[in-house]
């Protein structure tokens, strides 16, 4: 069963939380981070993307960047921009996007749970990205950014969350620059904190990494590293745990994760459409944006025209957790055999567009000539994600896109 425990969070004062809180480090590049932090002296990006305070030509993985992160983290605490709670708490974090709200429990997950498979993954991680975040955790001795977990919904936990959020004023309540709302409660009642911890231990057999696989791996591996280096290790030290926001699975929605391709691999448009007919029933839909409405259907944008592509039954197997995914169908029927894209992780001929950008972004990229063709996919369901994670399988690259992203800086976990 899952270990989820309260902790003494390091948090900003209410007066600066909107300016301090930031998007996760990995959803932006350095220049975008500079723009986001502009005019916000206390932005957490000075810690999570500390290269923004150095020369523009600075290598983002050099020692100077990590040293700047450490010095800024210490400065933020000296200035009182981050203050540690006197007692351990769970926290409730509510996010609102387009009228829909999801409520997560912020608590510490267990390094052992990650190593033993109680925390389940559905994506591969890249060692270089793991190493970067491991250094960041190690030098700051903290989980500065949370990871995004899902768990099978538990009625009693839902009831506790509803009781607190409906009767108490949130500690933080603000709308971020992107228009998404963020509210945050401190669970102060010790008995309630104990009850939440017990409910996870008794009712939640597994938790699932929804977003933040690299941050999760980095946090767990640094925890393991610290225990391996501690001859007096007892198992109760704070480094045995890392910060995660746990959302009930029935509140989460996965957005589409779409593909754009630079060329048709030497084919004419007529030849390309002809090759597609082997795996799909194709219908022309005109110039207005067309979105797929169910699994195994795709929309394609080519030369100003939208098409619907319905996968032929022989191209997939719904009894196979991976073979039944639309990303698998598109890869096996189009990207690999027709367009000769053999490695989705490394190919420079393909790019991936998160659904938050809308299908208009696909139109823009094709119409400007940057890309030749774009495909929109029907979103993966939480049920599919959990089935794949439970079966020990790994989803293909760039399969899931979660929104809204967690805001970093509402609370930090010290190791």
Protein backbone atom coordinates (compact mmCIF):
# COMPACT_ATOMS: atom_id res chain seq x y z
CA UNK A 1 0.00 0.00 0.00
CA UNK A 2 1.09 3.58 -0.67
CA UNK A 3 3.02 5.64 1.85
CA UNK A 4 2.00 9.31 1.77
CA UNK A 5 2.93 11.44 4.74
CA UNK A 6 2.70 15.06 5.92
CA UNK A 7 5.79 17.26 6.08
CA UNK A 8 7.00 20.67 7.24
CA UNK A 9 6.59 22.70 4.09
CA UNK A 10 8.70 25.70 3.14
CA UNK A 11 6.26 28.30 1.79
CA UNK A 12 6.02 31.92 0.62
CA UNK A 13 4.03 34.65 2.40
CA UNK A 14 0.59 35.28 0.94
CA UNK A 15 1.63 38.74 -0.27
CA UNK A 16 4.15 37.42 -2.82
CA UNK A 17 2.84 33.97 -3.71
CA UNK A 18 1.47 34.97 -7.13
CA UNK A 19 4.82 36.44 -8.20
CA UNK A 20 6.89 33.65 -6.65
CA UNK A 21 4.92 30.67 -7.99
CA UNK A 22 6.03 29.50 -11.43
CA UNK A 23 5.41 26.88 -14.06
CA UNK A 24 7.62 23.76 -13.91
CA UNK A 25 11.18 24.20 -15.15
CA UNK A 26 10.74 21.79 -18.06
CA UNK A 27 7.84 23.46 -19.90
CA UNK A 28 9.93 26.43 -21.04
CA UNK A 29 13.33 27.33 -22.45
CA UNK A 30 15.74 29.83 -20.93
CA UNK A 31 14.49 32.82 -22.90
CA UNK A 32 10.88 32.04 -22.02
CA UNK A 33 11.90 31.72 -18.35
CA UNK A 34 13.54 35.16 -18.48
CA UNK A 35 10.37 36.69 -19.86
CA UNK A 36 8.18 34.94 -17.27
CA UNK A 37 10.39 36.19 -14.42
CA UNK A 38 10.62 39.74 -15.75
CA UNK A 39 9.38 42.21 -13.16
CA UNK A 40 9.06 39.42 -10.56
CA UNK A 41 12.08 39.74 -8.29
CA UNK A 42 11.01 36.80 -6.11
CA UNK A 43 10.02 34.39 -8.92
CA UNK A 44 11.00 30.79 -8.19
CA UNK A 45 12.46 30.65 -11.71
CA UNK A 46 15.56 32.34 -10.27
CA UNK A 47 16.06 29.03 -8.42
CA UNK A 48 14.66 26.43 -10.84
CA UNK A 49 16.02 28.13 -13.99
CA UNK A 50 18.86 30.06 -12.37
CA UNK A 51 20.68 30.52 -15.68
CA UNK A 52 18.34 33.49 -16.24
CA UNK A 53 20.54 35.43 -13.79
CA UNK A 54 23.74 34.62 -15.70
CA UNK A 55 25.18 35.56 -19.08
CA UNK A 56 22.91 34.53 -21.99
CA UNK A 57 25.60 32.23 -23.41
CA UNK A 58 25.90 30.24 -20.17
CA UNK A 59 25.59 26.45 -20.53
CA UNK A 60 22.42 25.59 -18.59
CA UNK A 61 24.11 22.48 -17.14
CA UNK A 62 27.33 24.11 -15.99
CA UNK A 63 28.42 24.37 -12.36
CA UNK A 64 27.77 28.12 -12.26
CA UNK A 65 24.04 27.52 -12.86
CA UNK A 66 23.72 25.09 -9.97
CA UNK A 67 25.75 27.36 -7.67
CA UNK A 68 23.47 30.28 -8.57
CA UNK A 69 20.43 28.15 -7.75
CA UNK A 70 21.86 27.34 -4.31
CA UNK A 71 22.75 30.96 -3.54
CA UNK A 72 19.34 32.20 -4.67
CA UNK A 73 17.57 29.52 -2.61
CA UNK A 74 19.49 30.63 0.48
CA UNK A 75 18.78 34.29 -0.32
CA UNK A 76 15.04 33.68 -0.67
CA UNK A 77 15.01 32.15 2.83
CA UNK A 78 17.06 34.98 4.34
CA UNK A 79 14.68 37.53 2.84
CA UNK A 80 11.67 35.72 4.27
CA UNK A 81 10.32 34.87 0.83
CA UNK A 82 10.29 31.21 1.89
CA UNK A 83 9.45 30.28 5.48
CA UNK A 84 9.19 26.77 6.93
CA UNK A 85 6.04 25.66 8.74
CA UNK A 86 6.60 24.82 12.40
CA UNK A 87 4.70 21.50 12.17
CA UNK A 88 4.11 18.78 9.59
CA UNK A 89 0.99 19.12 7.46
CA UNK A 90 -0.74 17.78 4.43
CA UNK A 91 -1.80 20.50 2.02
CA UNK A 92 -4.71 20.66 -0.42
CA UNK A 93 -4.04 22.16 -3.84
CA UNK A 94 -6.96 23.02 -6.14
CA UNK A 95 -6.49 23.96 -9.79
CA UNK A 96 -9.24 25.44 -11.94
CA UNK A 97 -9.13 25.49 -15.74
CA UNK A 98 -12.08 26.50 -17.91
CA UNK A 99 -14.56 26.02 -15.08
CA UNK A 100 -13.32 22.57 -14.03
CA UNK A 101 -11.50 22.10 -10.71
CA UNK A 102 -9.31 19.23 -9.53
CA UNK A 103 -8.23 18.79 -5.90
CA UNK A 104 -4.91 17.22 -4.94
CA UNK A 105 -3.32 16.19 -1.64
CA UNK A 106 0.22 17.53 -1.29
CA UNK A 107 2.25 15.09 0.75
CA UNK A 108 5.50 13.17 0.70
CA UNK A 109 5.75 9.94 -1.27
CA UNK A 110 8.19 7.20 -0.32
CA UNK A 111 11.51 6.51 -2.04
CA UNK A 112 10.96 2.82 -1.22
CA UNK A 113 7.59 2.92 -2.98
CA UNK A 114 9.30 4.19 -6.13
CA UNK A 115 12.05 1.58 -5.96
CA UNK A 116 9.61 -1.27 -5.20
CA UNK A 117 6.99 -0.42 -7.84
CA UNK A 118 4.22 0.86 -5.56
CA UNK A 119 4.64 4.12 -7.48
CA UNK A 120 3.98 3.12 -11.07
CA UNK A 121 5.41 4.77 -14.18
CA UNK A 122 4.20 4.86 -17.76
CA UNK A 123 7.09 6.66 -19.50
CA UNK A 124 10.79 6.07 -20.01
CA UNK A 125 13.18 8.69 -18.65
CA UNK A 126 16.34 10.06 -20.24
CA UNK A 127 19.52 9.75 -18.13
CA UNK A 128 20.75 13.25 -19.04
CA UNK A 129 17.53 14.86 -17.81
CA UNK A 130 17.56 12.70 -14.68
CA UNK A 131 21.13 13.77 -13.92
CA UNK A 132 20.30 17.47 -14.30
CA UNK A 133 17.45 17.31 -11.78
CA UNK A 134 19.40 15.01 -9.46
CA UNK A 135 22.12 17.66 -9.21
CA UNK A 136 19.45 20.30 -8.57
CA UNK A 137 17.91 18.25 -5.74
CA UNK A 138 21.31 17.29 -4.33
CA UNK A 139 22.88 20.76 -4.19
CA UNK A 140 19.74 22.43 -2.78
CA UNK A 141 18.98 19.50 -0.46
CA UNK A 142 15.31 19.96 -1.27
CA UNK A 143 12.47 18.94 -3.58
CA UNK A 144 11.81 22.44 -4.84
CA UNK A 145 9.22 21.40 -7.41
CA UNK A 146 6.41 18.88 -6.82
CA UNK A 147 5.58 15.96 -9.06
CA UNK A 148 2.08 15.13 -10.29
CA UNK A 149 0.65 11.77 -9.13
CA UNK A 150 -2.72 10.08 -9.57
CA UNK A 151 -4.31 7.53 -7.25
CA UNK A 152 -7.50 5.43 -7.37
CA UNK A 153 -10.15 7.72 -5.88
CA UNK A 154 -11.08 7.04 -2.25
CA UNK A 155 -14.45 8.32 -1.05
CA UNK A 156 -13.27 9.06 2.49
CA UNK A 157 -10.36 11.17 1.21
CA UNK A 158 -12.72 13.02 -1.14
CA UNK A 159 -15.00 13.76 1.81
CA UNK A 160 -12.15 15.19 3.89
CA UNK A 161 -11.04 17.40 1.01
CA UNK A 162 -14.59 18.60 0.37
CA UNK A 163 -15.11 19.36 4.05
CA UNK A 164 -11.97 21.49 4.33
CA UNK A 165 -12.28 23.31 1.02
CA UNK A 166 -15.96 24.15 1.54
CA UNK A 167 -15.61 25.41 5.11
CA UNK A 168 -12.18 27.03 5.34
CA UNK A 169 -10.61 29.97 3.53
CA UNK A 170 -7.62 28.95 1.40
CA UNK A 171 -4.15 30.08 2.42
CA UNK A 172 -3.47 31.09 -1.19
CA UNK A 173 -6.01 32.05 -3.84
CA UNK A 174 -4.86 33.58 -7.13
CA UNK A 175 -5.26 33.43 -10.88
CA UNK A 176 -1.98 32.98 -12.75
CA UNK A 177 -0.95 34.78 -15.93
CA UNK A 178 -2.37 31.97 -18.06
CA UNK A 179 -5.84 32.42 -16.54
CA UNK A 180 -5.80 29.24 -14.46
CA UNK A 181 -6.89 29.45 -10.83
CA UNK A 182 -4.85 28.12 -7.91
CA UNK A 183 -6.05 27.66 -4.32
CA UNK A 184 -4.10 26.11 -1.48
CA UNK A 185 -5.12 25.01 2.02
CA UNK A 186 -2.94 23.96 4.98
CA UNK A 187 -4.44 20.95 6.79
CA UNK A 188 -3.85 22.10 10.37
CA UNK A 189 -5.86 19.56 12.37
CA UNK A 190 -3.42 16.86 13.56
CA UNK A 191 -6.14 14.24 13.72
CA UNK A 192 -7.16 14.93 10.11
CA UNK A 193 -3.53 14.69 9.01
CA UNK A 194 -3.23 11.30 10.70
CA UNK A 195 -6.49 10.16 9.11
CA UNK A 196 -5.34 11.11 5.59
CA UNK A 197 -2.06 9.26 6.08
CA UNK A 198 -3.93 6.18 7.36
CA UNK A 199 -6.42 6.22 4.47
CA UNK A 200 -3.60 6.17 1.91
CA UNK A 201 -1.94 3.31 3.80
CA UNK A 202 -5.18 1.28 3.94
CA UNK A 203 -7.06 2.20 0.76
CA UNK A 204 -4.49 3.08 -1.94
CA UNK A 205 -2.52 0.09 -3.23
CA UNK A 206 -0.61 2.05 -5.89
CA UNK A 207 0.00 5.60 -7.02
CA UNK A 208 0.82 6.64 -10.58
CA UNK A 209 3.23 9.19 -12.00
CA UNK A 210 1.02 11.35 -14.20
CA UNK A 211 3.45 14.17 -15.02
CA UNK A 212 7.06 14.71 -13.98
CA UNK A 213 8.76 11.36 -14.57
CA UNK A 214 12.24 12.90 -14.60
CA UNK A 215 11.66 14.90 -11.41
CA UNK A 216 10.25 11.77 -9.73
CA UNK A 217 13.22 9.63 -10.74
CA UNK A 218 15.67 12.32 -9.67
CA UNK A 219 14.04 12.78 -6.26
CA UNK A 220 13.93 9.04 -5.58
CA UNK A 221 17.49 8.42 -6.75
CA UNK A 222 18.90 11.23 -4.63
CA UNK A 223 17.04 9.75 -1.66
CA UNK A 224 18.60 6.35 -2.36
CA UNK A 225 22.00 7.97 -2.78
CA UNK A 226 21.70 9.67 0.61
CA UNK A 227 20.74 6.46 2.39
CA UNK A 228 23.59 4.58 0.71
CA UNK A 229 26.02 7.23 1.96
CA UNK A 230 24.67 7.27 5.52
CA UNK A 231 26.14 4.47 7.69
CA UNK A 232 23.58 5.34 10.41
CA UNK A 233 20.58 5.23 8.07
CA UNK A 234 17.34 4.44 9.94
CA UNK A 235 14.66 4.85 7.26
CA UNK A 236 12.84 7.72 8.92
CA UNK A 237 15.11 10.49 7.64
CA UNK A 238 13.43 13.14 5.51
CA UNK A 239 15.48 12.16 2.44
CA UNK A 240 13.49 8.90 2.34
CA UNK A 241 10.53 10.91 1.03
CA UNK A 242 9.83 13.37 -1.77
CA UNK A 243 7.05 15.82 -2.50
CA UNK A 244 4.13 14.96 -4.78
CA UNK A 245 0.62 16.28 -5.40
CA UNK A 246 -1.76 13.29 -5.37
CA UNK A 247 -4.96 13.69 -7.41
CA UNK A 248 -7.84 11.17 -7.46
CA UNK A 249 -7.92 9.56 -10.89
CA UNK A 250 -11.57 10.39 -11.54
CA UNK A 251 -10.85 14.14 -11.44
CA UNK A 252 -8.08 14.13 -14.05
CA UNK A 253 -8.36 14.68 -17.78
CA UNK A 254 -5.60 13.99 -20.28
CA UNK A 255 -5.35 16.32 -23.26
CA UNK A 256 -4.41 15.37 -26.79
CA UNK A 257 -0.72 15.27 -27.72
CA UNK A 258 -0.37 15.93 -31.42
CA UNK A 259 2.27 15.43 -34.12
CA UNK A 260 3.65 17.65 -36.89
CA UNK A 261 5.95 16.33 -39.64
CA UNK A 262 8.42 18.38 -41.72
CA UNK A 263 8.16 16.45 -45.00
CA UNK A 264 6.41 13.58 -46.78
CA UNK A 265 9.56 11.47 -47.18
CA UNK A 266 9.80 12.25 -50.90
CA UNK A 267 6.17 11.41 -51.68
CA UNK A 268 3.75 13.70 -53.48
CA UNK A 269 0.55 14.54 -51.63
CA UNK A 270 -1.41 12.24 -53.94
CA UNK A 271 1.01 9.37 -53.31
CA UNK A 272 0.91 10.02 -49.58
CA UNK A 273 -2.91 9.96 -49.43
CA UNK A 274 -2.93 6.78 -51.50
CA UNK A 275 -0.52 5.07 -49.10
CA UNK A 276 -2.68 6.10 -46.13
CA UNK A 277 -5.70 4.26 -47.54
CA UNK A 278 -4.16 0.91 -46.65
CA UNK A 279 -4.61 1.59 -42.93
CA UNK A 280 -7.40 4.18 -42.80
CA UNK A 281 -10.76 5.19 -44.18
CA UNK A 282 -10.14 8.78 -45.31
CA UNK A 283 -12.72 11.55 -45.60
CA UNK A 284 -12.05 15.12 -46.62
CA UNK A 285 -13.47 17.60 -44.05
CA UNK A 286 -12.70 20.99 -45.61
CA UNK A 287 -10.85 24.01 -44.30
CA UNK A 288 -12.44 24.37 -40.86
CA UNK A 289 -10.58 22.81 -37.94
CA UNK A 290 -11.65 19.21 -37.43
CA UNK A 291 -11.05 17.37 -34.16
CA UNK A 292 -11.22 13.56 -33.75
CA UNK A 293 -14.24 12.53 -31.67
CA UNK A 294 -13.37 9.01 -30.51
CA UNK A 295 -10.56 6.50 -30.16
CA UNK A 296 -8.95 5.16 -33.33
CA UNK A 297 -9.94 8.25 -35.30
CA UNK A 298 -7.47 10.95 -36.26
CA UNK A 299 -7.61 14.31 -37.93
CA UNK A 300 -4.96 15.31 -40.45
CA UNK A 301 -4.12 18.77 -41.82
CA UNK A 302 -2.41 18.85 -45.22
CA UNK A 303 -2.14 21.78 -47.64
CA UNK A 304 -4.96 23.75 -46.06
CA UNK A 305 -7.41 20.83 -45.90
CA UNK A 306 -8.53 18.76 -42.89
CA UNK A 307 -9.16 15.03 -43.24
CA UNK A 308 -10.62 12.43 -40.90
CA UNK A 309 -8.72 9.15 -40.72
CA UNK A 310 -10.50 6.14 -39.22
CA UNK A 311 -8.17 3.24 -38.47
CA UNK A 312 -9.16 -0.02 -40.12
CA UNK A 313 -9.92 -2.77 -37.55
CA UNK A 314 -6.97 -4.91 -38.59
CA UNK A 315 -4.50 -2.14 -37.67
CA UNK A 316 -4.95 -2.39 -33.89
CA UNK A 317 -5.70 -4.78 -31.04
CA UNK A 318 -7.77 -3.39 -28.17
CA UNK A 319 -6.75 -6.36 -26.02
CA UNK A 320 -3.15 -5.14 -26.17
CA UNK A 321 -2.61 -2.15 -23.80
CA UNK A 322 0.08 -0.70 -26.10
CA UNK A 323 -1.20 -1.97 -29.45
CA UNK A 324 -4.58 -0.37 -28.82
CA UNK A 325 -3.16 3.13 -28.32
CA UNK A 326 -3.73 5.64 -31.09
CA UNK A 327 -0.11 6.79 -30.86
CA UNK A 328 0.90 3.19 -31.63
CA UNK A 329 -1.49 3.02 -34.59
CA UNK A 330 -0.18 6.28 -36.05
CA UNK A 331 3.42 5.17 -35.62
CA UNK A 332 2.94 1.65 -37.01
CA UNK A 333 0.74 2.70 -39.94
CA UNK A 334 2.11 6.12 -40.91
CA UNK A 335 5.20 7.47 -39.21
CA UNK A 336 7.44 4.41 -39.59
CA UNK A 337 6.35 2.65 -42.83
CA UNK A 338 5.33 5.68 -44.90
CA UNK A 339 7.31 8.62 -43.53
CA UNK A 340 10.37 6.61 -42.42
CA UNK A 341 10.54 8.13 -38.93
CA UNK A 342 12.23 5.32 -37.03
CA UNK A 343 13.02 6.97 -33.68
CA UNK A 344 10.42 9.37 -32.30
CA UNK A 345 12.73 10.49 -29.51
CA UNK A 346 15.58 11.59 -31.75
CA UNK A 347 14.17 12.37 -35.20
CA UNK A 348 14.40 16.03 -36.20
CA UNK A 349 11.60 15.57 -38.75
CA UNK A 350 8.84 15.28 -36.15
CA UNK A 351 7.66 17.66 -33.45
CA UNK A 352 5.04 17.24 -30.73
CA UNK A 353 2.39 19.81 -29.83
CA UNK A 354 0.56 19.68 -26.50
CA UNK A 355 -3.20 20.00 -26.70
CA UNK A 356 -3.21 23.16 -24.60
CA UNK A 357 -1.94 25.01 -27.70
CA UNK A 358 -5.06 24.05 -29.65
CA UNK A 359 -5.39 22.73 -33.19
CA UNK A 360 -4.83 26.24 -34.50
CA UNK A 361 -1.15 25.70 -33.68
CA UNK A 362 -1.11 22.75 -36.09
CA UNK A 363 -2.62 24.96 -38.79
CA UNK A 364 -0.04 27.68 -38.13
CA UNK A 365 2.92 25.33 -38.38
CA UNK A 366 1.74 23.80 -41.64
CA UNK A 367 0.55 27.04 -43.24
CA UNK A 368 3.87 28.79 -42.52
CA UNK A 369 5.75 25.98 -44.26
CA UNK A 370 7.57 24.96 -41.09
CA UNK A 371 5.79 21.61 -41.27
CA UNK A 372 4.20 19.71 -44.13
CA UNK A 373 1.49 17.68 -42.37
CA UNK A 374 -0.06 17.53 -38.89
CA UNK A 375 -2.02 14.85 -37.05
CA UNK A 376 -4.38 15.35 -34.11
CA UNK A 377 -5.08 12.38 -31.84
CA UNK A 378 -7.96 11.59 -29.54
CA UNK A 379 -6.70 11.90 -25.92
CA UNK A 380 -5.58 8.88 -23.95
CA UNK A 381 -7.87 8.09 -21.00
CA UNK A 382 -6.82 7.70 -17.36
CA UNK A 383 -8.09 4.13 -17.61
CA UNK A 384 -5.65 3.43 -20.44
CA UNK A 385 -2.77 5.04 -18.52
CA UNK A 386 -3.47 3.00 -15.39
CA UNK A 387 -3.91 -0.25 -17.36
CA UNK A 388 -0.55 0.27 -19.03
CA UNK A 389 1.21 1.17 -15.79
CA UNK A 390 -0.35 -1.82 -13.99
CA UNK A 391 0.77 -4.18 -16.75
CA UNK A 392 4.36 -2.95 -16.46
CA UNK A 393 4.34 -1.53 -19.96
CA UNK A 394 5.69 1.83 -21.09
CA UNK A 395 3.76 4.23 -23.28
CA UNK A 396 5.35 5.47 -26.51
CA UNK A 397 7.02 8.91 -26.31
CA UNK A 398 4.80 12.00 -26.01
CA UNK A 399 1.52 10.21 -25.35
CA UNK A 400 -0.04 12.18 -22.48
CA UNK A 401 -0.41 15.90 -21.84
CA UNK A 402 -1.82 17.04 -18.50
CA UNK A 403 -3.20 20.52 -17.85
CA UNK A 404 -3.15 22.63 -15.87
CA UNK A 405 0.49 22.27 -14.88
CA UNK A 406 1.33 22.36 -11.19
CA UNK A 407 2.65 25.71 -9.98
CA UNK A 408 6.03 25.32 -8.34
CA UNK A 409 6.78 27.33 -5.20
CA UNK A 410 3.51 26.98 -3.29
CA UNK A 411 5.37 24.58 -1.01
CA UNK A 412 8.88 23.07 -0.93
CA UNK A 413 10.12 19.92 0.82
CA UNK A 414 13.47 20.10 2.62
CA UNK A 415 15.55 16.93 2.83
